[in-house]
Amino acid sequence: MASAPQMRERVANFVTVPAKGASFADLSVPLHPRLLDALAGAGLTRFYSHQSAAIESALAGLDTMVVTGTGSGKTLCYNAPVLHACLSEPVATALYLFPTKALAQDQAGKLIELAGDVRVDVCDAVTGGSCSGGNTHGVSVFSGVWRELDSGARAEAGAAGGLKPWLGRTNPALHLLGK
């Protein structure tokens, strides 16, 4: 990239950051045995340090933000606590909101790989699609959410089930982390 003439004209400085080894950490809290089996089946036998810290923080009920590079395992930082809660609590539910259908499908695929018998619905927030209208147990993954909420159509969310059942709840089923 630095050798391309058009880039040299537009970029003031190029810096190569040397690679560093991965940092791993054990969880200090136990995860549900079926989740651990699913993780092992996917070849995940240890956590990066940022994953361990995020999972523990989420399971403790704390607001958690993770900022790391692409391909560093951020998805597991929220899927692990959500699946742990769904497997541990018979009424646990979760709501995932993504701005685009492509991102929702990508993230739902990763979730489904680990979910086992935890129900996962994938829905388009605008049309409702084939969504059941909000899980009573499990995870609902919505796409197109920002488009819908920005349009002021909150009351009409997902004519065929979409977000309306979620938005109408007094406690919108986000007790997924023990709250």
Foldseek 3Di string as FASTA:
>chain_A
DCPDPVVVVPDPDDDDDDDDDFAWDAAPDDFDPLLCVLCVVVVNNTGTPQLNVLLVCLLVVHDDDDDDDPPRPVLSSPLRLLLSLLVVDVQAEEEAEEAAPVVLVVSVVVSVSRNVPADEAEAEFAARPPPPQGDSGHYYGYYNVVVCVVVVCQCCTHVPRHCNSQVPDPPSRHCSSVD
